[in-house]
């Protein structure tokens, strides 16, 4: 029979086996690298304060940090980060990809910037692809193929709205403070107060917020029904010890 002291001395690894996931670790590290590379290129080739004022950059910085931490945990066999973090980053970067391709790069959109995007060359073009295409697709593939289902909760969809709300507040304050002749006063055309007024921007923000929330609900719903593609490699406990983590 174990005494209290001897029981306390049993290492956690003796109870919960460490399961390293090198494939997931490498893939997540590559996603983090892609996001970080895109941000660095933009900062080197542009004005850092302006670059850091875009939601795309905020989201890619979050991807770089969260996926780097996730990669380390998968490499050393630690449990994954809280689902509210990883799911929130997935949602934000998915919105970045969808808004870019369906709204900004879409010539038929009212808010399209297709002509300006088509002029991008060299490092700017590379950064554009990394930030708006590579990282959203990579994050989605990681979730679908390398992340166990069932961890997301319906309340997360509402909690994730804090990110776009914080960004909108920042962007409007920034636009109000900057001089009207600054060309990057408003980072996105749908929040341009000089063009739509605060009433119009509020309507645009509500529409985008509802879309953001709907996508969050869709991600949570899909997380509840999608199958676990990778089985035993994702376990951090023995099959008989309980549910998947």
Protein backbone atom coordinates (compact mmCIF):
# COMPACT_ATOMS: atom_id res chain seq x y z
CA UNK A 1 0.00 0.00 0.00
CA UNK A 2 1.35 3.43 -0.93
CA UNK A 3 1.94 5.98 1.75
CA UNK A 4 0.87 9.61 1.05
CA UNK A 5 4.47 10.65 0.49
CA UNK A 6 5.29 7.83 -1.89
CA UNK A 7 2.10 8.45 -3.90
CA UNK A 8 3.02 12.10 -4.29
CA UNK A 9 6.43 11.06 -5.61
CA UNK A 10 4.94 9.17 -8.57
CA UNK A 11 5.71 11.22 -11.72
CA UNK A 12 2.81 12.36 -13.87
CA UNK A 13 4.28 10.45 -16.81
CA UNK A 14 3.65 7.21 -14.91
CA UNK A 15 -0.08 8.01 -14.88
CA UNK A 16 -0.48 9.79 -18.23
CA UNK A 17 1.99 8.47 -20.82
CA UNK A 18 3.76 11.05 -22.93
CA UNK A 19 2.82 10.70 -26.59
CA UNK A 20 4.87 12.81 -28.95
CA UNK A 21 3.30 13.87 -32.25
CA UNK A 22 6.18 14.82 -34.57
CA UNK A 23 4.05 15.13 -37.73
CA UNK A 24 1.66 17.56 -36.05
CA UNK A 25 4.58 19.41 -34.48
CA UNK A 26 6.38 19.93 -37.80
CA UNK A 27 3.21 20.94 -39.65
CA UNK A 28 2.26 23.47 -36.98
CA UNK A 29 5.79 24.85 -36.89
CA UNK A 30 5.60 25.41 -40.66
CA UNK A 31 2.28 27.25 -40.29
CA UNK A 32 3.75 29.42 -37.54
CA UNK A 33 6.79 30.10 -39.76
CA UNK A 34 4.58 31.05 -42.72
CA UNK A 35 2.60 33.52 -40.60
CA UNK A 36 5.71 35.02 -39.02
CA UNK A 37 7.44 35.31 -42.40
CA UNK A 38 4.51 37.13 -43.93
CA UNK A 39 4.36 39.59 -41.03
CA UNK A 40 8.13 40.21 -41.11
CA UNK A 41 8.14 40.83 -44.87
CA UNK A 42 5.32 43.33 -44.54
CA UNK A 43 7.10 45.13 -41.68
CA UNK A 44 10.41 45.26 -43.57
CA UNK A 45 8.84 46.53 -46.79
CA UNK A 46 6.33 48.91 -45.26
CA UNK A 47 5.60 51.18 -42.33
CA UNK A 48 5.52 49.09 -39.16
CA UNK A 49 2.77 51.15 -37.43
CA UNK A 50 0.60 50.86 -40.55
CA UNK A 51 1.29 47.14 -41.01
CA UNK A 52 0.42 46.43 -37.39
CA UNK A 53 -2.93 48.21 -37.78
CA UNK A 54 -4.48 45.48 -39.98
CA UNK A 55 -6.68 42.67 -38.65
CA UNK A 56 -4.85 40.36 -41.05
CA UNK A 57 -1.61 41.05 -39.20
CA UNK A 58 -3.22 40.69 -35.78
CA UNK A 59 -4.60 37.31 -36.83
CA UNK A 60 -1.35 36.09 -38.33
CA UNK A 61 0.60 37.10 -35.23
CA UNK A 62 -1.90 35.07 -33.21
CA UNK A 63 -1.38 32.14 -35.60
CA UNK A 64 2.40 32.40 -35.26
CA UNK A 65 2.27 32.40 -31.46
CA UNK A 66 -0.45 29.78 -30.93
CA UNK A 67 0.84 27.38 -33.57
CA UNK A 68 4.42 27.69 -32.30
CA UNK A 69 3.23 26.81 -28.79
CA UNK A 70 1.09 23.99 -30.16
CA UNK A 71 4.03 22.66 -32.16
CA UNK A 72 6.22 22.56 -29.06
CA UNK A 73 3.53 20.77 -27.06
CA UNK A 74 3.04 18.18 -29.79
CA UNK A 75 6.81 17.66 -30.08
CA UNK A 76 7.37 17.01 -26.37
CA UNK A 77 4.08 15.18 -25.81
CA UNK A 78 2.22 17.71 -23.69
CA UNK A 79 -1.58 18.17 -23.81
CA UNK A 80 -2.88 20.62 -26.43
CA UNK A 81 -3.62 24.27 -25.75
CA UNK A 82 -7.16 25.17 -24.59
CA UNK A 83 -9.65 24.74 -27.42
CA UNK A 84 -11.00 28.27 -26.93
CA UNK A 85 -7.56 29.60 -27.99
CA UNK A 86 -6.92 27.33 -30.95
CA UNK A 87 -10.53 27.58 -32.15
CA UNK A 88 -10.47 31.36 -31.85
CA UNK A 89 -7.30 31.61 -33.91
CA UNK A 90 -8.78 29.25 -36.50
CA UNK A 91 -11.87 31.46 -36.75
CA UNK A 92 -9.93 34.72 -37.04
CA UNK A 93 -7.57 33.46 -39.72
CA UNK A 94 -10.48 31.84 -41.58
CA UNK A 95 -12.26 35.21 -41.63
CA UNK A 96 -9.06 36.79 -42.95
CA UNK A 97 -8.92 34.32 -45.84
CA UNK A 98 -12.63 34.50 -46.65
CA UNK A 99 -12.88 38.31 -46.51
CA UNK A 100 -9.78 38.68 -48.65
CA UNK A 101 -10.83 36.25 -51.37
CA UNK A 102 -14.58 36.87 -51.36
CA UNK A 103 -14.64 40.61 -50.66
CA UNK A 104 -11.33 42.43 -51.18
CA UNK A 105 -9.93 40.41 -54.09
CA UNK A 106 -13.34 39.92 -55.71
CA UNK A 107 -13.84 42.33 -58.60
CA UNK A 108 -17.63 42.17 -58.25
CA UNK A 109 -17.58 43.19 -54.58
CA UNK A 110 -18.54 46.70 -53.52
CA UNK A 111 -15.41 46.83 -51.35
CA UNK A 112 -13.02 45.19 -53.82
CA UNK A 113 -9.36 46.18 -54.01
CA UNK A 114 -8.62 43.77 -56.85
CA UNK A 115 -6.72 46.33 -58.93
CA UNK A 116 -4.36 47.18 -56.09
CA UNK A 117 -3.85 43.52 -55.20
CA UNK A 118 -3.02 42.65 -58.82
CA UNK A 119 -0.17 45.18 -58.75
CA UNK A 120 1.66 43.41 -55.91
CA UNK A 121 5.03 41.94 -56.89
CA UNK A 122 8.12 40.46 -55.24
CA UNK A 123 8.13 40.24 -51.48
CA UNK A 124 4.77 41.99 -51.20
CA UNK A 125 3.15 39.33 -53.37
CA UNK A 126 4.77 36.56 -51.34
CA UNK A 127 3.64 38.10 -48.07
CA UNK A 128 0.13 38.55 -49.46
CA UNK A 129 -0.11 34.84 -50.32
CA UNK A 130 1.32 33.75 -46.98
CA UNK A 131 -0.97 35.95 -44.89
CA UNK A 132 -4.22 35.54 -46.81
CA UNK A 133 -4.02 32.07 -48.35
CA UNK A 134 -1.31 29.83 -46.88
CA UNK A 135 -2.01 30.40 -43.19
CA UNK A 136 -5.83 30.13 -43.45
CA UNK A 137 -5.57 26.89 -45.45
CA UNK A 138 -2.86 25.53 -43.15
CA UNK A 139 -4.87 26.30 -40.02
CA UNK A 140 -7.96 24.63 -41.49
CA UNK A 141 -6.00 21.50 -42.48
CA UNK A 142 -4.45 21.27 -39.04
CA UNK A 143 -7.89 21.43 -37.44
CA UNK A 144 -9.44 18.90 -39.82
CA UNK A 145 -6.58 16.40 -39.95
CA UNK A 146 -4.45 16.78 -36.82
CA UNK A 147 -6.80 18.03 -34.10
CA UNK A 148 -9.18 15.76 -32.23
CA UNK A 149 -12.87 16.73 -32.51
CA UNK A 150 -15.31 17.57 -29.75
CA UNK A 151 -13.31 20.11 -27.74
CA UNK A 152 -15.14 23.26 -28.87
CA UNK A 153 -18.22 24.56 -27.03
CA UNK A 154 -21.14 26.66 -28.30
CA UNK A 155 -20.27 29.47 -25.89
CA UNK A 156 -16.90 29.83 -27.63
CA UNK A 157 -18.60 31.33 -30.72
CA UNK A 158 -19.80 34.26 -28.60
CA UNK A 159 -16.50 34.59 -26.75
CA UNK A 160 -14.59 34.80 -30.02
CA UNK A 161 -16.50 37.97 -30.94
CA UNK A 162 -14.21 39.81 -28.51
CA UNK A 163 -11.45 39.74 -31.14
CA UNK A 164 -13.27 41.58 -33.97
CA UNK A 165 -14.89 43.92 -31.43
CA UNK A 166 -11.48 44.87 -30.03
CA UNK A 167 -10.11 45.38 -33.52
CA UNK A 168 -13.06 47.52 -34.65
CA UNK A 169 -12.69 49.72 -31.56
CA UNK A 170 -8.97 50.12 -32.25
CA UNK A 171 -9.49 50.86 -35.96
CA UNK A 172 -12.17 53.50 -35.38
CA UNK A 173 -10.17 55.24 -32.65
CA UNK A 174 -7.09 55.17 -34.89
CA UNK A 175 -9.08 56.62 -37.79
CA UNK A 176 -10.52 59.39 -35.61
CA UNK A 177 -7.07 60.36 -34.35
CA UNK A 178 -5.21 60.36 -37.66
CA UNK A 179 -5.32 63.29 -40.06
CA UNK A 180 -7.93 63.03 -42.87
CA UNK A 181 -5.15 63.21 -45.48
CA UNK A 182 -3.47 59.99 -44.28
CA UNK A 183 -4.17 57.41 -47.04
CA UNK A 184 -4.18 54.47 -44.61
CA UNK A 185 -6.40 56.22 -42.09
CA UNK A 186 -8.97 53.42 -42.32
CA UNK A 187 -7.40 50.03 -42.94
CA UNK A 188 -10.41 48.45 -44.68
CA UNK A 189 -12.93 50.10 -47.02
CA UNK A 190 -15.98 48.81 -45.10
CA UNK A 191 -14.91 50.71 -41.94
CA UNK A 192 -14.15 53.98 -43.76
CA UNK A 193 -16.12 56.56 -41.78
CA UNK A 194 -15.41 59.31 -44.33
CA UNK A 195 -17.18 57.25 -46.99
CA UNK A 196 -20.03 55.61 -45.07
CA UNK A 197 -20.32 57.65 -41.89
CA UNK A 198 -20.53 56.05 -38.48
CA UNK A 199 -24.06 54.79 -39.17
CA UNK A 200 -22.96 53.02 -42.34
CA UNK A 201 -19.85 51.60 -40.70
CA UNK A 202 -21.99 50.33 -37.83
CA UNK A 203 -24.23 48.49 -40.29
CA UNK A 204 -21.19 47.02 -42.06
CA UNK A 205 -19.71 45.99 -38.73
CA UNK A 206 -22.94 44.32 -37.63
CA UNK A 207 -23.17 42.37 -40.88
CA UNK A 208 -19.57 41.22 -40.58
CA UNK A 209 -20.06 40.48 -36.88
CA UNK A 210 -23.05 38.27 -37.65
CA UNK A 211 -21.04 36.50 -40.34
CA UNK A 212 -18.18 36.09 -37.86
CA UNK A 213 -20.58 34.63 -35.28
CA UNK A 214 -22.25 32.35 -37.84
CA UNK A 215 -18.89 31.00 -38.97
CA UNK A 216 -17.94 30.43 -35.34
CA UNK A 217 -21.13 28.45 -34.79
CA UNK A 218 -20.45 26.47 -37.97
CA UNK A 219 -16.94 25.60 -36.77
CA UNK A 220 -18.25 24.45 -33.38
CA UNK A 221 -21.04 22.46 -35.00
CA UNK A 222 -18.67 20.78 -37.43
CA UNK A 223 -16.30 20.04 -34.57
CA UNK A 224 -19.08 18.04 -32.89
CA UNK A 225 -19.77 15.83 -35.91
CA UNK A 226 -16.48 15.49 -37.78
CA UNK A 227 -14.61 12.19 -37.36
CA UNK A 228 -11.21 11.84 -35.74
CA UNK A 229 -8.96 11.32 -38.75
CA UNK A 230 -5.84 10.44 -36.77
CA UNK A 231 -6.55 7.94 -34.05
CA UNK A 232 -3.99 6.54 -31.65
CA UNK A 233 -1.34 9.18 -32.29
CA UNK A 234 -3.65 11.81 -30.78
CA UNK A 235 -4.14 10.04 -27.46
CA UNK A 236 -2.30 11.27 -24.38
CA UNK A 237 -3.71 8.50 -22.23
CA UNK A 238 -4.16 4.80 -22.70
CA UNK A 239 -7.36 3.69 -24.51
CA UNK A 240 -8.78 2.39 -21.28
CA UNK A 241 -8.06 5.49 -19.23
CA UNK A 242 -10.90 7.59 -20.51
CA UNK A 243 -11.89 9.78 -23.41
CA UNK A 244 -9.69 11.35 -25.99
CA UNK A 245 -7.93 14.56 -25.07
